[in-house]
N, C-alpha and C. Protein backbone atom coordinates (compact mmCIF):
# COMPACT_ATOMS: atom_id res chain seq x y z
N MET A 1 -55.09 -30.32 -26.56
CA MET A 1 -55.24 -29.73 -25.26
C MET A 1 -54.94 -28.26 -25.30
N LYS A 2 -55.78 -27.55 -24.63
CA LYS A 2 -55.58 -26.11 -24.53
C LYS A 2 -54.94 -25.80 -23.18
N SER A 3 -54.03 -24.81 -23.20
CA SER A 3 -53.44 -24.40 -21.92
C SER A 3 -54.32 -23.34 -21.30
N SER A 4 -54.36 -23.35 -20.03
CA SER A 4 -55.22 -22.42 -19.31
C SER A 4 -54.58 -21.04 -19.27
N PRO A 5 -55.40 -20.00 -19.17
CA PRO A 5 -54.86 -18.63 -19.07
C PRO A 5 -54.00 -18.45 -17.83
N ALA A 6 -54.28 -19.15 -16.74
CA ALA A 6 -53.47 -19.02 -15.52
C ALA A 6 -52.07 -19.58 -15.76
N GLY A 7 -51.95 -20.64 -16.52
CA GLY A 7 -50.65 -21.23 -16.83
C GLY A 7 -49.81 -20.31 -17.69
N ARG A 8 -50.45 -19.58 -18.61
CA ARG A 8 -49.72 -18.63 -19.45
C ARG A 8 -49.20 -17.47 -18.62
N ARG A 9 -49.99 -17.02 -17.67
CA ARG A 9 -49.57 -15.90 -16.82
C ARG A 9 -48.36 -16.29 -15.98
N VAL A 10 -48.35 -17.50 -15.46
CA VAL A 10 -47.23 -17.96 -14.65
C VAL A 10 -45.97 -18.02 -15.49
N SER A 11 -46.06 -18.56 -16.69
CA SER A 11 -44.88 -18.65 -17.54
C SER A 11 -44.45 -17.25 -18.01
N GLN A 12 -45.41 -16.35 -18.23
CA GLN A 12 -45.06 -14.99 -18.63
C GLN A 12 -44.34 -14.28 -17.50
N VAL A 13 -44.81 -14.45 -16.27
CA VAL A 13 -44.17 -13.84 -15.12
C VAL A 13 -42.76 -14.40 -14.95
N SER A 14 -42.58 -15.68 -15.18
CA SER A 14 -41.25 -16.29 -15.05
C SER A 14 -40.28 -15.72 -16.08
N ILE A 15 -40.73 -15.58 -17.29
CA ILE A 15 -39.88 -15.03 -18.35
C ILE A 15 -39.56 -13.57 -18.06
N GLU A 16 -40.54 -12.80 -17.61
CA GLU A 16 -40.31 -11.40 -17.26
C GLU A 16 -39.31 -11.29 -16.11
N PHE A 17 -39.42 -12.19 -15.13
CA PHE A 17 -38.49 -12.19 -14.01
C PHE A 17 -37.06 -12.47 -14.50
N LEU A 18 -36.92 -13.44 -15.41
CA LEU A 18 -35.60 -13.75 -15.95
C LEU A 18 -35.02 -12.57 -16.73
N ILE A 19 -35.85 -11.89 -17.48
CA ILE A 19 -35.39 -10.73 -18.25
C ILE A 19 -34.95 -9.61 -17.32
N VAL A 20 -35.73 -9.32 -16.29
CA VAL A 20 -35.38 -8.27 -15.33
C VAL A 20 -34.10 -8.65 -14.59
N SER A 21 -33.97 -9.90 -14.21
CA SER A 21 -32.76 -10.35 -13.51
C SER A 21 -31.53 -10.20 -14.40
N ALA A 22 -31.65 -10.54 -15.66
CA ALA A 22 -30.53 -10.40 -16.58
C ALA A 22 -30.14 -8.94 -16.76
N LEU A 23 -31.13 -8.05 -16.86
CA LEU A 23 -30.84 -6.62 -17.00
C LEU A 23 -30.14 -6.07 -15.76
N VAL A 24 -30.58 -6.50 -14.59
CA VAL A 24 -29.94 -6.07 -13.34
C VAL A 24 -28.49 -6.54 -13.31
N LEU A 25 -28.23 -7.78 -13.71
CA LEU A 25 -26.86 -8.29 -13.74
C LEU A 25 -26.00 -7.53 -14.75
N LEU A 26 -26.58 -7.17 -15.89
CA LEU A 26 -25.84 -6.40 -16.89
C LEU A 26 -25.46 -5.02 -16.37
N ILE A 27 -26.28 -4.46 -15.51
CA ILE A 27 -25.99 -3.15 -14.93
C ILE A 27 -24.97 -3.29 -13.80
N LEU A 28 -25.10 -4.31 -12.97
CA LEU A 28 -24.24 -4.46 -11.80
C LEU A 28 -22.84 -4.98 -12.13
N ALA A 29 -22.70 -5.76 -13.18
CA ALA A 29 -21.39 -6.35 -13.51
C ALA A 29 -20.32 -5.28 -13.75
N PRO A 30 -20.57 -4.26 -14.57
CA PRO A 30 -19.53 -3.23 -14.76
C PRO A 30 -19.24 -2.45 -13.47
N LEU A 31 -20.26 -2.22 -12.67
CA LEU A 31 -20.03 -1.53 -11.39
C LEU A 31 -19.14 -2.37 -10.48
N TRP A 32 -19.39 -3.67 -10.46
CA TRP A 32 -18.59 -4.58 -9.63
C TRP A 32 -17.14 -4.59 -10.11
N MET A 33 -16.93 -4.66 -11.41
CA MET A 33 -15.57 -4.67 -11.96
C MET A 33 -14.85 -3.36 -11.64
N SER A 34 -15.56 -2.26 -11.76
CA SER A 34 -14.98 -0.95 -11.44
C SER A 34 -14.58 -0.88 -9.98
N MET A 35 -15.43 -1.40 -9.11
CA MET A 35 -15.13 -1.40 -7.68
C MET A 35 -13.90 -2.26 -7.39
N LEU A 36 -13.79 -3.42 -8.02
CA LEU A 36 -12.63 -4.28 -7.82
C LEU A 36 -11.34 -3.61 -8.27
N ARG A 37 -11.39 -2.90 -9.41
CA ARG A 37 -10.21 -2.17 -9.89
C ARG A 37 -9.81 -1.07 -8.92
N ALA A 38 -10.79 -0.36 -8.36
CA ALA A 38 -10.50 0.71 -7.40
C ALA A 38 -9.88 0.14 -6.12
N ILE A 39 -10.37 -0.99 -5.67
CA ILE A 39 -9.81 -1.63 -4.47
C ILE A 39 -8.36 -2.05 -4.74
N GLN A 40 -8.10 -2.63 -5.90
CA GLN A 40 -6.74 -3.05 -6.24
C GLN A 40 -5.80 -1.85 -6.31
N ALA A 41 -6.27 -0.75 -6.87
CA ALA A 41 -5.44 0.46 -6.95
C ALA A 41 -5.12 1.00 -5.56
N GLN A 42 -6.09 0.96 -4.65
CA GLN A 42 -5.86 1.40 -3.28
C GLN A 42 -4.84 0.49 -2.59
N GLN A 43 -4.94 -0.81 -2.80
CA GLN A 43 -3.99 -1.74 -2.19
C GLN A 43 -2.58 -1.51 -2.74
N ASP A 44 -2.47 -1.24 -4.03
CA ASP A 44 -1.16 -0.96 -4.63
C ASP A 44 -0.58 0.33 -4.05
N ASP A 45 -1.41 1.37 -3.92
CA ASP A 45 -0.95 2.63 -3.33
C ASP A 45 -0.47 2.43 -1.90
N LEU A 46 -1.18 1.60 -1.14
CA LEU A 46 -0.78 1.32 0.24
C LEU A 46 0.57 0.61 0.28
N ARG A 47 0.78 -0.36 -0.59
CA ARG A 47 2.05 -1.09 -0.62
C ARG A 47 3.21 -0.17 -1.00
N VAL A 48 2.99 0.73 -1.95
CA VAL A 48 4.04 1.68 -2.33
C VAL A 48 4.35 2.59 -1.15
N SER A 49 3.33 3.05 -0.46
CA SER A 49 3.52 3.91 0.71
C SER A 49 4.28 3.19 1.81
N GLN A 50 3.95 1.92 2.06
CA GLN A 50 4.65 1.14 3.08
C GLN A 50 6.12 0.93 2.71
N ALA A 51 6.39 0.68 1.45
CA ALA A 51 7.78 0.50 1.00
C ALA A 51 8.54 1.81 1.15
N ARG A 52 7.91 2.92 0.79
CA ARG A 52 8.56 4.23 0.92
C ARG A 52 8.87 4.54 2.38
N THR A 53 7.93 4.23 3.28
CA THR A 53 8.15 4.46 4.71
C THR A 53 9.31 3.62 5.22
N ALA A 54 9.39 2.37 4.81
CA ALA A 54 10.50 1.51 5.23
C ALA A 54 11.83 2.08 4.77
N LEU A 55 11.91 2.50 3.52
CA LEU A 55 13.15 3.06 3.00
C LEU A 55 13.51 4.37 3.70
N GLN A 56 12.52 5.19 3.98
CA GLN A 56 12.79 6.46 4.68
C GLN A 56 13.38 6.20 6.06
N ARG A 57 12.84 5.22 6.76
CA ARG A 57 13.36 4.90 8.09
C ARG A 57 14.80 4.40 8.01
N ILE A 58 15.09 3.58 7.02
CA ILE A 58 16.45 3.07 6.84
C ILE A 58 17.41 4.21 6.50
N VAL A 59 17.00 5.07 5.57
CA VAL A 59 17.86 6.17 5.14
C VAL A 59 18.09 7.16 6.28
N GLN A 60 17.05 7.49 7.04
CA GLN A 60 17.22 8.41 8.17
C GLN A 60 18.20 7.84 9.20
N SER A 61 18.07 6.55 9.46
CA SER A 61 18.98 5.90 10.41
C SER A 61 20.41 5.87 9.86
N ALA A 62 20.55 5.60 8.57
CA ALA A 62 21.87 5.56 7.95
C ALA A 62 22.53 6.94 7.99
N ASP A 63 21.78 7.97 7.68
CA ASP A 63 22.33 9.33 7.73
C ASP A 63 22.74 9.71 9.15
N LEU A 64 21.94 9.28 10.13
CA LEU A 64 22.25 9.58 11.53
C LEU A 64 23.56 8.94 11.96
N VAL A 65 23.74 7.64 11.71
CA VAL A 65 24.97 6.97 12.15
C VAL A 65 26.17 7.42 11.32
N TYR A 66 25.94 7.82 10.07
CA TYR A 66 27.03 8.32 9.23
C TYR A 66 27.61 9.60 9.82
N VAL A 67 26.73 10.49 10.26
CA VAL A 67 27.17 11.75 10.85
C VAL A 67 27.91 11.49 12.16
N GLN A 68 27.47 10.51 12.93
CA GLN A 68 28.11 10.21 14.20
C GLN A 68 29.45 9.51 14.01
N GLY A 69 29.62 8.80 12.92
CA GLY A 69 30.87 8.11 12.63
C GLY A 69 30.94 6.74 13.27
N ALA A 70 32.00 6.01 12.89
CA ALA A 70 32.20 4.65 13.42
C ALA A 70 32.49 4.73 14.91
N PRO A 71 32.05 3.83 15.68
CA PRO A 71 31.28 2.61 15.49
C PRO A 71 29.80 2.80 15.80
N ALA A 72 29.24 3.97 15.51
CA ALA A 72 27.83 4.24 15.82
C ALA A 72 26.93 3.24 15.10
N SER A 73 25.88 2.82 15.81
CA SER A 73 24.90 1.92 15.20
C SER A 73 23.54 2.16 15.82
N VAL A 74 22.53 1.78 15.12
CA VAL A 74 21.17 1.92 15.59
C VAL A 74 20.36 0.74 15.05
N VAL A 75 19.36 0.32 15.82
CA VAL A 75 18.45 -0.73 15.36
C VAL A 75 17.16 -0.04 14.93
N VAL A 76 16.74 -0.33 13.72
CA VAL A 76 15.53 0.27 13.18
C VAL A 76 14.55 -0.84 12.82
N THR A 77 13.28 -0.63 13.16
CA THR A 77 12.23 -1.59 12.84
C THR A 77 11.47 -1.10 11.62
N VAL A 78 11.35 -1.94 10.62
CA VAL A 78 10.64 -1.57 9.39
C VAL A 78 9.65 -2.67 9.01
N TYR A 79 8.59 -2.26 8.34
CA TYR A 79 7.63 -3.22 7.78
C TYR A 79 7.83 -3.25 6.27
N VAL A 80 8.07 -4.44 5.74
CA VAL A 80 8.22 -4.63 4.30
C VAL A 80 6.91 -5.20 3.76
N PRO A 81 6.29 -4.50 2.80
CA PRO A 81 5.01 -4.98 2.26
C PRO A 81 5.20 -6.17 1.32
N SER A 82 4.11 -6.80 0.98
CA SER A 82 4.17 -7.90 0.01
C SER A 82 4.47 -7.33 -1.37
N GLY A 83 5.06 -8.15 -2.21
CA GLY A 83 5.31 -7.75 -3.59
C GLY A 83 6.67 -7.16 -3.85
N VAL A 84 7.54 -7.05 -2.84
CA VAL A 84 8.89 -6.54 -3.08
C VAL A 84 9.67 -7.64 -3.79
N SER A 85 10.09 -7.37 -5.00
CA SER A 85 10.79 -8.40 -5.77
C SER A 85 12.30 -8.27 -5.71
N ASN A 86 12.80 -7.06 -5.42
CA ASN A 86 14.23 -6.86 -5.37
C ASN A 86 14.53 -5.55 -4.66
N TYR A 87 15.80 -5.33 -4.37
CA TYR A 87 16.24 -4.08 -3.76
C TYR A 87 17.58 -3.69 -4.34
N SER A 88 17.97 -2.45 -4.10
CA SER A 88 19.27 -1.99 -4.54
C SER A 88 19.77 -0.94 -3.55
N LEU A 89 21.00 -1.09 -3.09
CA LEU A 89 21.66 -0.10 -2.25
C LEU A 89 22.75 0.55 -3.09
N LEU A 90 22.50 1.77 -3.50
CA LEU A 90 23.45 2.48 -4.35
C LEU A 90 24.17 3.53 -3.53
N SER A 91 25.11 4.23 -4.15
CA SER A 91 25.90 5.21 -3.41
C SER A 91 25.06 6.39 -2.92
N ASN A 92 23.99 6.72 -3.62
CA ASN A 92 23.21 7.87 -3.18
C ASN A 92 21.71 7.62 -3.13
N GLU A 93 21.30 6.36 -3.17
CA GLU A 93 19.87 6.06 -3.07
C GLU A 93 19.64 4.59 -2.71
N THR A 94 18.48 4.36 -2.12
CA THR A 94 18.03 2.99 -1.85
C THR A 94 16.79 2.77 -2.69
N VAL A 95 16.63 1.55 -3.19
CA VAL A 95 15.53 1.25 -4.10
C VAL A 95 14.88 -0.07 -3.71
N TYR A 96 13.55 -0.06 -3.63
CA TYR A 96 12.77 -1.29 -3.55
C TYR A 96 12.03 -1.41 -4.88
N ILE A 97 12.02 -2.58 -5.46
CA ILE A 97 11.28 -2.83 -6.69
C ILE A 97 10.04 -3.64 -6.33
N LEU A 98 8.88 -3.05 -6.56
CA LEU A 98 7.60 -3.68 -6.21
C LEU A 98 6.93 -4.24 -7.45
N ALA A 99 6.41 -5.44 -7.33
CA ALA A 99 5.60 -6.04 -8.39
C ALA A 99 4.15 -5.69 -8.11
N LEU A 100 3.57 -4.89 -8.99
CA LEU A 100 2.16 -4.49 -8.86
C LEU A 100 1.40 -5.05 -10.04
N GLY A 101 0.78 -6.18 -9.84
CA GLY A 101 0.10 -6.86 -10.96
C GLY A 101 1.14 -7.33 -11.95
N SER A 102 1.02 -6.90 -13.20
CA SER A 102 1.99 -7.30 -14.22
C SER A 102 3.08 -6.26 -14.40
N ALA A 103 2.99 -5.14 -13.68
CA ALA A 103 3.98 -4.07 -13.79
C ALA A 103 4.91 -4.06 -12.58
N HIS A 104 6.03 -3.36 -12.72
CA HIS A 104 6.96 -3.17 -11.62
C HIS A 104 7.12 -1.68 -11.37
N THR A 105 7.23 -1.31 -10.11
CA THR A 105 7.41 0.07 -9.72
C THR A 105 8.65 0.18 -8.85
N ASP A 106 9.48 1.16 -9.14
CA ASP A 106 10.65 1.42 -8.31
C ASP A 106 10.29 2.46 -7.26
N VAL A 107 10.54 2.12 -6.00
CA VAL A 107 10.36 3.07 -4.90
C VAL A 107 11.76 3.49 -4.49
N VAL A 108 12.08 4.77 -4.70
CA VAL A 108 13.44 5.27 -4.52
C VAL A 108 13.47 6.29 -3.39
N GLU A 109 14.49 6.18 -2.56
CA GLU A 109 14.70 7.13 -1.48
C GLU A 109 16.16 7.58 -1.51
N PRO A 110 16.41 8.89 -1.71
CA PRO A 110 17.79 9.36 -1.78
C PRO A 110 18.46 9.34 -0.40
N THR A 111 19.78 9.16 -0.41
CA THR A 111 20.56 9.17 0.82
C THR A 111 21.83 9.97 0.63
N LYS A 112 22.35 10.50 1.72
CA LYS A 112 23.61 11.24 1.68
C LYS A 112 24.79 10.31 1.95
N THR A 113 24.47 9.07 2.26
CA THR A 113 25.44 8.11 2.78
C THR A 113 25.63 6.95 1.81
N PRO A 114 26.88 6.53 1.56
CA PRO A 114 27.06 5.29 0.80
C PRO A 114 26.66 4.10 1.67
N LEU A 115 25.82 3.23 1.13
CA LEU A 115 25.29 2.10 1.89
C LEU A 115 25.82 0.77 1.33
N SER A 116 25.88 -0.21 2.22
CA SER A 116 26.16 -1.59 1.81
C SER A 116 25.31 -2.49 2.68
N GLY A 117 25.28 -3.76 2.34
CA GLY A 117 24.51 -4.71 3.12
C GLY A 117 23.36 -5.27 2.33
N SER A 118 22.32 -5.67 3.04
CA SER A 118 21.17 -6.26 2.37
C SER A 118 19.88 -5.85 3.07
N LEU A 119 18.81 -5.85 2.29
CA LEU A 119 17.49 -5.49 2.80
C LEU A 119 16.56 -6.68 2.64
N PRO A 120 15.59 -6.82 3.53
CA PRO A 120 14.62 -7.92 3.38
C PRO A 120 13.67 -7.64 2.22
N THR A 121 13.23 -8.71 1.57
CA THR A 121 12.28 -8.55 0.46
C THR A 121 10.98 -9.29 0.69
N THR A 122 10.90 -10.14 1.71
CA THR A 122 9.65 -10.83 1.98
C THR A 122 8.83 -10.03 2.98
N GLU A 123 7.52 -10.15 2.87
CA GLU A 123 6.62 -9.37 3.71
C GLU A 123 6.84 -9.68 5.19
N GLY A 124 6.82 -8.63 5.99
CA GLY A 124 6.95 -8.81 7.43
C GLY A 124 7.60 -7.62 8.10
N THR A 125 7.68 -7.70 9.42
CA THR A 125 8.33 -6.66 10.23
C THR A 125 9.73 -7.15 10.58
N TYR A 126 10.72 -6.29 10.37
CA TYR A 126 12.12 -6.66 10.57
C TYR A 126 12.83 -5.63 11.43
N LYS A 127 13.80 -6.11 12.20
CA LYS A 127 14.71 -5.24 12.93
C LYS A 127 16.04 -5.28 12.18
N LEU A 128 16.48 -4.12 11.76
CA LEU A 128 17.72 -4.01 11.00
C LEU A 128 18.76 -3.26 11.82
N ILE A 129 19.99 -3.69 11.73
CA ILE A 129 21.10 -3.00 12.38
C ILE A 129 21.75 -2.11 11.33
N VAL A 130 21.77 -0.82 11.61
CA VAL A 130 22.39 0.15 10.71
C VAL A 130 23.64 0.65 11.42
N LYS A 131 24.82 0.35 10.85
CA LYS A 131 26.07 0.61 11.55
C LYS A 131 27.05 1.36 10.65
N ALA A 132 27.66 2.41 11.21
CA ALA A 132 28.69 3.16 10.49
C ALA A 132 30.01 2.40 10.60
N GLU A 133 30.65 2.21 9.48
CA GLU A 133 31.93 1.52 9.44
C GLU A 133 33.07 2.55 9.37
N ALA A 134 34.26 2.14 9.74
CA ALA A 134 35.43 3.03 9.72
C ALA A 134 35.78 3.47 8.30
N THR A 135 35.34 2.72 7.31
CA THR A 135 35.63 3.04 5.91
C THR A 135 34.76 4.17 5.37
N GLY A 136 33.79 4.64 6.18
CA GLY A 136 32.89 5.70 5.73
C GLY A 136 31.63 5.17 5.08
N ILE A 137 31.45 3.88 5.08
CA ILE A 137 30.24 3.26 4.52
C ILE A 137 29.33 2.86 5.67
N VAL A 138 28.04 2.94 5.46
CA VAL A 138 27.06 2.48 6.46
C VAL A 138 26.55 1.12 6.01
N ASN A 139 26.61 0.16 6.93
CA ASN A 139 26.22 -1.21 6.65
C ASN A 139 24.84 -1.48 7.25
N VAL A 140 23.95 -2.09 6.46
CA VAL A 140 22.61 -2.44 6.89
C VAL A 140 22.52 -3.96 6.90
N THR A 141 22.26 -4.55 8.10
CA THR A 141 22.19 -6.01 8.21
C THR A 141 21.18 -6.40 9.27
N GLY A 142 21.00 -7.70 9.42
CA GLY A 142 20.29 -8.27 10.56
C GLY A 142 18.80 -8.33 10.45
N PHE A 143 18.27 -9.30 9.77
CA PHE A 143 16.82 -9.49 9.70
C PHE A 143 16.37 -10.33 10.88
N SER A 144 15.27 -9.93 11.47
CA SER A 144 14.66 -10.77 12.52
C SER A 144 13.18 -10.51 12.59
């Protein structure tokens, strides 16, 4: 049996279509991966910025009540981004440790005030009580 010329053209068109489709996918795949990496980098930058803003608000409030002295206190509302794995309240700085993919980034905000207490680490909006103690330390408490 001989195949007809029309049948060969149909199969040739099908093969050409598959080849063109494969070439288009080969071109688009790296562009798609690059776009996904750029989106992830933007999301990471946003989370670092949100963590920095939260720490700045806490530090500004702590410095304010420290200057006013005991028993001054203020309630500050902060948003904690996702990925905060730990925190640290040191004598001259506050630190949030963010997990960004497989790496960790420290977000540090200096303070003039010795701090104690605890900070939230799960994502969400929190009201914190920042209170000057008679000992000269500012205490940060109260998640809600």
